[in-house]
Amino acid sequence: QVSRVAVIGANGAGKSTAIKVLVGEQLPTEGSIWKAQGLRLAYVAQHAFHHLEKHMQRTPTDYIMWRFAGNDDRESLEFKTDELSVDEAAARATKWCIDSVTGTVRRCTD
């Protein structure tokens, strides 16, 4: 299943920061980020003119539909990898539990 979303908010609300944290370009100042296995995130930065100059004949909607058609980001396919890093493989091999009272995530102690 493929979904596309828009992040909308007032200037200075933290939209760009939130997106950068979600895609891993920036670390969160507090808390944890948890993503579903197989989740792929991509975004078009608000100042990504180097991407857009080749697509000036397209509307913004046409560009997004072209770029992310087929469930892949055509602008960043050269950076794509299906291999897990050592840390990702270890994290997936570990059993995790969510505390039903606090909602915090911790390693399970069977």
Protein backbone atom coordinates (compact mmCIF):
# COMPACT_ATOMS: atom_id res chain seq x y z
CA GLN A 1 0.00 0.00 0.00
CA VAL A 2 1.28 3.46 -0.88
CA SER A 3 0.37 6.65 0.93
CA ARG A 4 1.33 10.24 0.31
CA VAL A 5 0.86 12.96 2.89
CA ALA A 6 1.40 16.70 3.15
CA VAL A 7 2.73 18.39 6.27
CA ILE A 8 1.06 21.73 6.79
CA GLY A 9 1.52 24.25 9.60
CA ALA A 10 2.51 27.75 10.56
CA ASN A 11 6.02 29.08 9.95
CA GLY A 12 8.33 27.98 12.75
CA ALA A 13 6.03 25.18 13.93
CA GLY A 14 8.71 22.52 13.31
CA LYS A 15 7.45 20.88 10.11
CA SER A 16 10.88 20.62 8.47
CA THR A 17 12.51 19.49 11.72
CA ALA A 18 9.91 16.77 12.24
CA ILE A 19 10.37 15.47 8.70
CA LYS A 20 14.17 15.50 9.03
CA VAL A 21 13.89 13.47 12.26
CA LEU A 22 11.53 10.97 10.62
CA VAL A 23 13.80 10.41 7.59
CA GLY A 24 16.94 10.23 9.77
CA GLU A 25 18.64 13.44 8.66
CA GLN A 26 18.45 14.82 12.19
CA LEU A 27 18.39 13.18 15.62
CA PRO A 28 15.47 13.84 17.96
CA THR A 29 16.27 16.02 20.98
CA GLU A 30 14.20 13.68 23.14
CA GLY A 31 12.08 10.57 22.81
CA SER A 32 12.37 7.72 20.34
CA ILE A 33 11.46 7.14 16.71
CA TRP A 34 9.88 3.81 15.81
CA LYS A 35 9.07 2.86 12.23
CA ALA A 36 7.21 -0.11 10.80
CA GLN A 37 9.36 -2.71 9.10
CA GLY A 38 9.50 -1.97 5.38
CA LEU A 39 8.49 1.67 5.84
CA ARG A 40 10.02 3.99 3.25
CA LEU A 41 10.01 7.74 3.73
CA ALA A 42 10.99 10.43 1.28
CA TYR A 43 10.38 14.12 0.98
CA VAL A 44 11.03 17.07 -1.26
CA ALA A 45 12.94 19.71 0.69
CA GLN A 46 11.51 23.20 0.43
CA HIS A 47 14.75 24.46 -1.12
CA ALA A 48 15.48 21.47 -3.40
CA PHE A 49 15.93 23.54 -6.54
CA HIS A 50 18.63 21.20 -7.90
CA HIS A 51 15.89 18.56 -8.22
CA LEU A 52 13.26 20.86 -9.59
CA GLU A 53 15.19 22.62 -12.36
CA LYS A 54 14.81 19.54 -14.59
CA HIS A 55 11.03 19.55 -14.04
CA MET A 56 9.99 23.16 -14.60
CA GLN A 57 7.36 22.10 -17.14
CA ARG A 58 5.52 20.03 -14.49
CA THR A 59 3.03 21.24 -11.91
CA PRO A 60 4.00 20.50 -8.28
CA THR A 61 1.44 17.68 -8.18
CA ASP A 62 2.75 16.19 -11.45
CA TYR A 63 6.30 16.31 -10.09
CA ILE A 64 5.38 14.51 -6.85
CA MET A 65 3.34 11.90 -8.75
CA TRP A 66 6.27 11.30 -11.15
CA ARG A 67 8.94 11.27 -8.44
CA PHE A 68 7.19 8.77 -6.17
CA ALA A 69 5.34 6.65 -8.75
CA GLY A 70 5.76 2.92 -8.30
CA ASN A 71 6.52 3.22 -4.56
CA ASP A 72 10.10 4.40 -5.19
CA ASP A 73 11.76 7.81 -5.03
CA ARG A 74 13.12 8.26 -8.55
CA GLU A 75 15.40 11.13 -7.42
CA SER A 76 17.21 9.00 -4.85
CA LEU A 77 17.26 5.48 -6.30
CA GLU A 78 21.06 5.61 -6.54
CA PHE A 79 21.22 5.80 -2.73
CA LYS A 80 18.76 2.98 -2.14
CA THR A 81 19.88 -0.18 -0.40
CA ASP A 82 17.96 -3.22 0.80
CA GLU A 83 20.77 -4.27 3.13
CA LEU A 84 20.41 -3.70 6.86
CA SER A 85 23.14 -2.00 8.83
CA VAL A 86 24.63 -3.95 11.74
CA ASP A 87 22.62 -1.81 14.19
CA GLU A 88 19.34 -2.34 12.28
CA ALA A 89 19.85 -6.11 12.13
CA ALA A 90 20.58 -6.25 15.87
CA ALA A 91 17.56 -4.10 16.71
CA ARG A 92 15.26 -6.32 14.63
CA ALA A 93 16.64 -9.45 16.29
CA THR A 94 15.87 -8.05 19.76
CA LYS A 95 12.45 -8.56 21.33
CA TRP A 96 10.87 -5.23 22.34
CA CYS A 97 7.95 -4.58 24.70
CA ILE A 98 5.72 -1.56 25.14
CA ASP A 99 4.78 -0.76 28.73
CA SER A 100 0.97 -0.72 28.83
CA VAL A 101 0.91 1.99 31.53
CA THR A 102 3.58 4.46 30.41
CA GLY A 103 3.80 3.61 26.71
CA THR A 104 7.59 3.44 26.88
CA VAL A 105 9.50 0.92 24.80
CA ARG A 106 12.02 -1.41 26.40
CA ARG A 107 13.78 -4.68 25.73
CA CYS A 108 11.65 -7.64 26.78
CA THR A 109 12.91 -9.69 29.70
CA ASP A 110 11.46 -13.16 29.09
